[in-house]
Amino acid sequence: MKALVTGGAGYVGAVLVPKLLAKGYSVKVLDLYLYGEGVFETVQGHPNLEQIKADIRDVSVLKRTLPGCDAVIHLACISNDPSFDLNPELGKSINYDAFIHLVDIAKDAGIKRFIYASSSSVYGIKEEENVTEELELKPLTDYSKYKAMCEDVLLKKRSKGFVTLIVRPATVCGYSPRLRLDLTVNILTNHAFNRRVITVFGGSQMRPNIHIEDIADLYLQSLQWPDEKIDGKIYNVGYQNLRVFDIAERVRNIVGEDVTIVIAKTDDNRSYHISSEKIREELGFQAYHTIEEAVQDLVTSFQQKKISSATDDDRYYNIRMIKKLELQ
């Protein structure tokens, strides 16, 4: 099977692509490589890896790239609210407009399976103790609104021979060759290790998390489940739901008791606890890697100097890089 991974040189893709190659898949990566071109050092030159440096908004690129592929794993997007809000038109053009073209061209090219990485943020703020897939979507931001709209687009395009799966991941954490240090667990670990101080804004908000190895394994398995098991399905994918303050304490327990936790006020009261029971019951998928493992992996990477200038290097921060490159 040949799979196209859009955004494959990103945070999750940099972990996923080597897993796909190890399982015998042929992989095309379509990415702008904004954060560096060395993310695939461990598989550089692999005969089943084709890297395409291009913009997903370029229809001519999609028409050249998609034929011959069996599946698409769509990860490419302007990630998170601050990055999207920096340039809403840019965000819409990549996250929504380009998605419509991608789905249409994929169908025309004979793609058999389309996996879409949505977001658990599409639920907004919920009163329910456990957020399940059956609850109404109430996205609060443009980023999450367009994620939800893309879900509708994909479901309407679903047809016989064009199998669709929508995944709503929790916030991802852990080390990747294309590292992000602007995600909750990763932020707290970076500050704990390099500053010995963690600032927690609020602290009582619940945050669902999933280790990067688990979410990469999910996308790998999404190519292996039978059509009838996944076609038209939507699944939450998370593991540990914890208060931000509890995450900070777990980080401190691993990094060192000399780390200080400071509580600050915040206007960000988003809080939700997602349920991943449906995917466990229907597909047998369960995450296994803990937040503590993610923290330890990051700490080890800091100690081994895999991560340099963690607070200053723009490559680790999406919003900084978009500003720096003046992406349009």
Protein backbone atom coordinates (compact mmCIF):
# COMPACT_ATOMS: atom_id res chain seq x y z
CA MET A 1 0.00 0.00 0.00
CA LYS A 2 1.16 3.52 -0.78
CA ALA A 3 0.11 6.28 1.60
CA LEU A 4 0.30 10.04 1.22
CA VAL A 5 0.92 11.81 4.53
CA THR A 6 0.16 15.51 4.24
CA GLY A 7 2.09 17.52 6.80
CA GLY A 8 4.25 14.43 7.16
CA ALA A 9 7.32 16.41 8.21
CA GLY A 10 5.41 17.91 11.15
CA TYR A 11 5.36 17.01 14.84
CA VAL A 12 3.30 13.80 14.55
CA GLY A 13 4.31 12.96 10.98
CA ALA A 14 8.01 12.85 11.88
CA VAL A 15 7.22 9.96 14.24
CA LEU A 16 4.57 8.33 12.05
CA VAL A 17 6.44 8.14 8.74
CA PRO A 18 9.32 5.92 10.02
CA LYS A 19 6.70 3.62 11.58
CA LEU A 20 4.91 3.30 8.23
CA LEU A 21 8.15 2.52 6.41
CA ALA A 22 9.10 -0.08 9.03
CA LYS A 23 5.77 -1.83 8.38
CA GLY A 24 6.45 -2.02 4.66
CA TYR A 25 4.35 0.87 3.39
CA SER A 26 5.47 3.14 0.57
CA VAL A 27 5.11 6.73 1.77
CA LYS A 28 4.82 10.07 0.05
CA VAL A 29 5.31 13.08 2.33
CA LEU A 30 3.80 16.39 1.19
CA ASP A 31 5.00 19.26 3.35
CA LEU A 32 6.44 22.77 3.19
CA TYR A 33 9.24 21.71 5.59
CA LEU A 34 8.98 25.05 7.39
CA TYR A 35 10.63 23.65 10.50
CA GLY A 36 13.63 22.03 8.85
CA GLU A 37 14.41 19.32 6.33
CA GLY A 38 16.34 16.98 8.59
CA VAL A 39 13.42 15.34 10.39
CA PHE A 40 13.83 12.03 8.54
CA GLU A 41 17.53 11.45 9.19
CA THR A 42 16.88 7.90 10.43
CA VAL A 43 15.14 6.93 7.15
CA GLN A 44 16.89 9.28 4.72
CA GLY A 45 17.35 7.55 1.38
CA HIS A 46 14.79 4.86 2.15
CA PRO A 47 13.63 3.38 -1.19
CA ASN A 48 9.96 3.58 -0.17
CA LEU A 49 10.07 7.24 0.93
CA GLU A 50 9.28 10.10 -1.45
CA GLN A 51 9.48 13.63 -0.06
CA ILE A 52 7.62 16.41 -1.86
CA LYS A 53 8.35 19.94 -0.69
CA ALA A 54 5.29 21.87 -1.77
CA ASP A 55 2.22 23.80 -0.64
CA ILE A 56 -0.93 21.75 -0.08
CA ARG A 57 -2.92 24.66 -1.54
CA ASP A 58 -1.29 24.07 -4.95
CA VAL A 59 -3.90 22.09 -6.88
CA SER A 60 -1.42 21.11 -9.59
CA VAL A 61 0.80 19.49 -6.94
CA LEU A 62 -2.13 17.51 -5.58
CA LYS A 63 -3.06 16.31 -9.06
CA ARG A 64 0.51 15.08 -9.60
CA THR A 65 0.95 13.59 -6.15
CA LEU A 66 -2.25 11.70 -5.38
CA PRO A 67 -2.43 9.28 -8.36
CA GLY A 68 -0.93 5.93 -7.44
CA CYS A 69 -1.66 6.32 -3.74
CA ASP A 70 -4.08 4.04 -1.91
CA ALA A 71 -4.63 6.13 1.22
CA VAL A 72 -4.29 9.65 2.58
CA ILE A 73 -3.45 10.50 6.18
CA HIS A 74 -4.21 14.22 6.37
CA LEU A 75 -2.21 15.93 9.11
CA ALA A 76 -1.35 19.22 7.39
CA CYS A 77 -2.82 22.34 8.96
CA ILE A 78 -2.08 25.55 10.81
CA SER A 79 -2.08 24.02 14.27
CA ASN A 80 -3.65 25.51 17.40
CA ASP A 81 -5.60 28.69 18.07
CA PRO A 82 -2.76 31.24 18.45
CA SER A 83 -1.14 30.21 15.17
CA PHE A 84 -4.47 30.36 13.37
CA ASP A 85 -5.42 33.71 14.89
CA LEU A 86 -2.13 35.23 13.74
CA ASN A 87 -3.46 35.20 10.16
CA PRO A 88 -7.05 33.92 9.92
CA GLU A 89 -7.12 34.09 6.12
CA LEU A 90 -3.96 32.00 5.90
CA GLY A 91 -5.45 29.53 8.37
CA LYS A 92 -8.69 29.22 6.42
CA SER A 93 -6.87 28.78 3.11
CA ILE A 94 -4.80 25.89 4.46
CA ASN A 95 -7.15 24.26 6.97
CA TYR A 96 -10.40 24.51 5.03
CA ASP A 97 -10.16 25.67 1.42
CA ALA A 98 -7.25 23.37 0.59
CA PHE A 99 -9.02 20.50 2.34
CA ILE A 100 -11.96 20.68 -0.06
CA HIS A 101 -9.63 20.45 -3.07
CA LEU A 102 -7.66 17.65 -1.45
CA VAL A 103 -10.75 15.51 -0.84
CA ASP A 104 -12.12 16.05 -4.35
CA ILE A 105 -8.83 15.29 -6.07
CA ALA A 106 -8.26 12.27 -3.80
CA LYS A 107 -11.62 10.80 -4.86
CA ASP A 108 -10.91 11.46 -8.53
CA ALA A 109 -7.46 9.84 -8.18
CA GLY A 110 -8.99 6.62 -6.81
CA ILE A 111 -7.87 7.00 -3.21
CA LYS A 112 -9.53 4.18 -1.27
CA ARG A 113 -9.12 5.46 2.31
CA PHE A 114 -8.96 8.97 3.75
CA ILE A 115 -7.92 9.50 7.39
CA TYR A 116 -8.53 12.99 8.75
CA ALA A 117 -6.87 14.40 11.86
CA SER A 118 -9.51 16.67 13.37
CA SER A 119 -9.28 17.87 16.99
CA SER A 120 -10.99 17.32 20.33
CA SER A 121 -11.27 21.12 20.54
CA VAL A 122 -14.35 20.92 18.27
CA TYR A 123 -16.47 20.20 21.37
CA GLY A 124 -15.83 23.58 22.98
CA ILE A 125 -16.66 23.79 26.69
CA LYS A 126 -18.87 20.98 27.99
CA GLU A 127 -20.74 20.54 31.26
CA GLU A 128 -20.68 16.76 30.86
CA GLU A 129 -18.16 14.82 32.92
CA ASN A 130 -17.12 12.76 29.90
CA VAL A 131 -17.14 14.19 26.37
CA THR A 132 -18.25 11.51 23.92
CA GLU A 133 -18.53 11.54 20.14
CA GLU A 134 -22.32 11.83 20.32
CA LEU A 135 -22.29 15.28 21.92
CA GLU A 136 -23.01 18.40 19.88
CA LEU A 137 -20.00 20.27 18.52
CA LYS A 138 -19.64 23.84 19.74
CA PRO A 139 -16.26 25.08 18.50
CA LEU A 140 -15.19 28.29 20.18
CA THR A 141 -12.44 29.45 17.81
CA ASP A 142 -11.86 29.71 14.08
CA TYR A 143 -9.29 26.92 14.29
CA SER A 144 -11.76 24.47 15.82
CA LYS A 145 -14.65 25.76 13.69
CA TYR A 146 -12.85 24.89 10.46
CA LYS A 147 -11.79 21.53 11.88
CA ALA A 148 -15.48 20.76 12.43
CA MET A 149 -16.44 22.06 8.99
CA CYS A 150 -13.85 19.79 7.37
CA GLU A 151 -15.45 16.83 9.12
CA ASP A 152 -18.75 17.71 7.41
CA VAL A 153 -17.05 18.05 4.04
CA LEU A 154 -15.42 14.64 4.32
CA LEU A 155 -18.57 12.85 5.47
CA LYS A 156 -20.57 14.30 2.58
CA LYS A 157 -17.93 13.11 0.10
CA ARG A 158 -17.87 9.60 1.54
CA SER A 159 -19.01 6.97 -0.97
CA LYS A 160 -18.53 3.32 -1.86
CA GLY A 161 -14.84 2.70 -2.39
CA PHE A 162 -13.88 5.97 -0.63
CA VAL A 163 -13.62 5.01 3.04
CA THR A 164 -13.37 7.85 5.55
CA LEU A 165 -12.21 7.96 9.17
CA ILE A 166 -12.22 11.05 11.37
CA VAL A 167 -9.99 11.17 14.44
CA ARG A 168 -10.36 13.76 17.21
CA PRO A 169 -7.06 13.58 19.09
CA ALA A 170 -6.34 14.92 22.54
CA THR A 171 -3.35 17.26 22.96
CA VAL A 172 -0.24 15.37 21.89
CA CYS A 173 2.88 15.24 24.06
CA GLY A 174 6.38 13.80 23.92
CA TYR A 175 9.55 13.97 21.86
CA SER A 176 9.63 14.14 18.06
CA PRO A 177 12.44 14.88 15.60
CA ARG A 178 10.25 17.85 14.58
CA LEU A 179 9.68 18.98 18.13
CA ARG A 180 7.00 21.33 19.38
CA LEU A 181 7.52 23.09 22.69
CA ASP A 182 4.21 24.96 22.52
CA LEU A 183 1.99 22.12 23.78
CA THR A 184 0.95 21.78 27.43
CA VAL A 185 3.11 18.90 28.66
CA ASN A 186 6.05 19.92 26.48
CA ILE A 187 5.86 23.57 27.60
CA LEU A 188 5.84 22.63 31.28
CA THR A 189 8.71 20.16 30.86
CA ASN A 190 10.83 22.67 28.94
CA HIS A 191 10.33 25.35 31.58
CA ALA A 192 10.91 22.95 34.43
CA PHE A 193 14.17 21.63 32.98
CA ASN A 194 15.62 24.86 31.62
CA ARG A 195 14.22 27.48 34.02
CA ARG A 196 13.42 25.39 37.10
CA VAL A 197 10.13 27.29 37.31
CA ILE A 198 6.73 26.28 35.93
CA THR A 199 4.04 28.94 35.58
CA VAL A 200 0.55 27.43 35.58
CA PHE A 201 -2.20 29.68 34.25
CA GLY A 202 -5.29 28.80 36.23
CA GLY A 203 -4.57 25.16 36.88
CA SER A 204 -8.00 23.67 37.45
CA GLN A 205 -8.77 23.26 33.73
CA MET A 206 -8.93 19.67 32.55
CA ARG A 207 -6.74 18.78 29.59
CA PRO A 208 -6.87 15.49 27.68
CA ASN A 209 -3.49 14.21 26.53
CA ILE A 210 -2.05 11.48 24.35
CA HIS A 211 1.57 10.41 23.88
CA ILE A 212 2.97 10.97 20.40
CA GLU A 213 3.88 7.29 20.05
CA ASP A 214 0.25 6.31 20.69
CA ILE A 215 -1.26 8.74 18.19
CA ALA A 216 1.29 7.69 15.56
CA ASP A 217 0.37 4.05 16.21
CA LEU A 218 -3.29 4.96 15.79
CA TYR A 219 -2.68 6.42 12.32
CA LEU A 220 -0.60 3.38 11.40
CA GLN A 221 -3.40 1.04 12.47
CA SER A 222 -5.95 3.17 10.62
CA LEU A 223 -4.53 1.73 7.40
CA GLN A 224 -4.97 -1.83 8.65
CA TRP A 225 -8.53 -2.02 10.00
CA PRO A 226 -11.14 -3.49 7.60
CA ASP A 227 -13.21 -0.96 5.64
CA GLU A 228 -16.45 -1.92 7.36
CA LYS A 229 -14.94 -1.27 10.80
CA ILE A 230 -14.01 2.35 10.18
CA ASP A 231 -15.99 3.68 7.23
CA GLY A 232 -17.73 6.92 8.16
CA LYS A 233 -16.69 6.62 11.81
CA ILE A 234 -15.57 9.38 14.17
CA TYR A 235 -13.45 8.63 17.21
CA ASN A 236 -11.96 10.53 20.14
CA VAL A 237 -8.40 9.42 20.79
CA GLY A 238 -6.85 10.31 24.13
CA TYR A 239 -5.48 8.72 27.27
CA GLN A 240 -4.97 10.75 30.44
CA ASN A 241 -7.35 13.58 31.34
CA LEU A 242 -5.71 15.72 34.02
CA ARG A 243 -5.92 19.19 35.53
CA VAL A 244 -3.12 21.45 34.28
CA PHE A 245 -1.84 21.77 37.85
CA ASP A 246 -1.68 17.98 38.19
CA ILE A 247 0.33 17.81 34.97
CA ALA A 248 2.73 20.37 36.40
CA GLU A 249 3.18 18.28 39.55
CA ARG A 250 3.93 15.18 37.51
CA VAL A 251 6.49 17.12 35.53
CA ARG A 252 8.14 18.35 38.73
CA ASN A 253 8.25 14.80 40.14
CA ILE A 254 10.38 13.73 37.18
CA VAL A 255 12.46 16.85 36.54
CA GLY A 256 13.33 17.55 40.18
CA GLU A 257 11.86 18.68 43.48
CA ASP A 258 13.79 21.97 43.18
CA VAL A 259 11.37 23.05 40.42
CA THR A 260 8.95 25.76 41.61
CA ILE A 261 5.32 25.85 40.48
CA VAL A 262 3.81 29.34 40.26
CA ILE A 263 0.06 29.88 39.81
CA ALA A 264 -1.08 32.79 37.62
CA LYS A 265 -4.52 34.09 36.67
CA THR A 266 -5.97 33.29 33.27
CA ASP A 267 -8.98 34.08 31.11
CA ASP A 268 -8.64 30.70 29.39
CA ASN A 269 -11.22 28.55 31.13
CA ARG A 270 -11.47 25.86 28.45
CA SER A 271 -11.81 22.58 30.27
CA TYR A 272 -12.90 19.21 28.98
CA HIS A 273 -12.48 15.50 29.68
CA ILE A 274 -12.79 13.37 26.56
CA SER A 275 -13.86 9.76 26.55
CA SER A 276 -11.93 7.30 24.34
CA GLU A 277 -14.14 4.33 25.21
CA LYS A 278 -15.78 4.12 21.79
CA ILE A 279 -12.54 3.42 19.89
CA ARG A 280 -11.46 0.93 22.54
CA GLU A 281 -14.75 -0.96 22.40
CA GLU A 282 -15.21 -0.90 18.62
CA LEU A 283 -11.63 -1.20 17.35
CA GLY A 284 -9.70 -2.44 20.36
CA PHE A 285 -7.39 0.58 20.27
CA GLN A 286 -6.01 1.79 23.57
CA ALA A 287 -3.21 4.22 24.37
CA TYR A 288 -0.48 2.95 26.68
CA HIS A 289 2.20 5.61 26.97
CA THR A 290 1.85 7.98 29.92
CA ILE A 291 2.49 11.67 30.43
CA GLU A 292 5.38 10.66 32.67
CA GLU A 293 6.96 8.79 29.77
CA ALA A 294 6.58 11.85 27.55
CA VAL A 295 8.23 14.03 30.20
CA GLN A 296 11.08 11.56 30.69
CA ASP A 297 11.67 11.33 26.93
CA LEU A 298 11.90 15.11 26.73
CA VAL A 299 14.21 15.32 29.74
CA THR A 300 16.50 12.68 28.24
CA SER A 301 16.57 14.61 24.96
CA PHE A 302 17.52 17.79 26.82
CA GLN A 303 20.26 15.93 28.68
CA GLN A 304 21.63 14.39 25.48
CA LYS A 305 21.63 17.81 23.77
CA LYS A 306 19.16 16.66 21.10
CA ILE A 307 17.26 19.86 21.85
CA SER A 308 19.34 23.03 21.66
CA SER A 309 18.35 26.58 22.58
CA ALA A 310 14.96 25.35 23.69
CA THR A 311 13.63 28.74 24.73
CA ASP A 312 15.12 30.73 21.84
CA ASP A 313 14.92 28.54 18.74
CA ASP A 314 11.87 29.48 16.66
CA ARG A 315 11.68 25.98 15.13
CA TYR A 316 10.05 24.65 18.30
CA TYR A 317 7.23 27.20 18.31
CA ASN A 318 4.67 27.26 15.51
CA ILE A 319 3.52 30.85 15.98
CA ARG A 320 7.06 32.20 16.06
CA MET A 321 8.00 30.39 12.87
CA ILE A 322 4.93 31.58 10.97
CA LYS A 323 5.75 35.15 12.01
CA LYS A 324 9.40 34.77 11.09
CA LEU A 325 8.72 33.32 7.64
CA GLU A 326 5.82 35.71 6.98
CA LEU A 327 3.89 32.78 5.57
CA GLN A 328 1.05 33.84 3.25
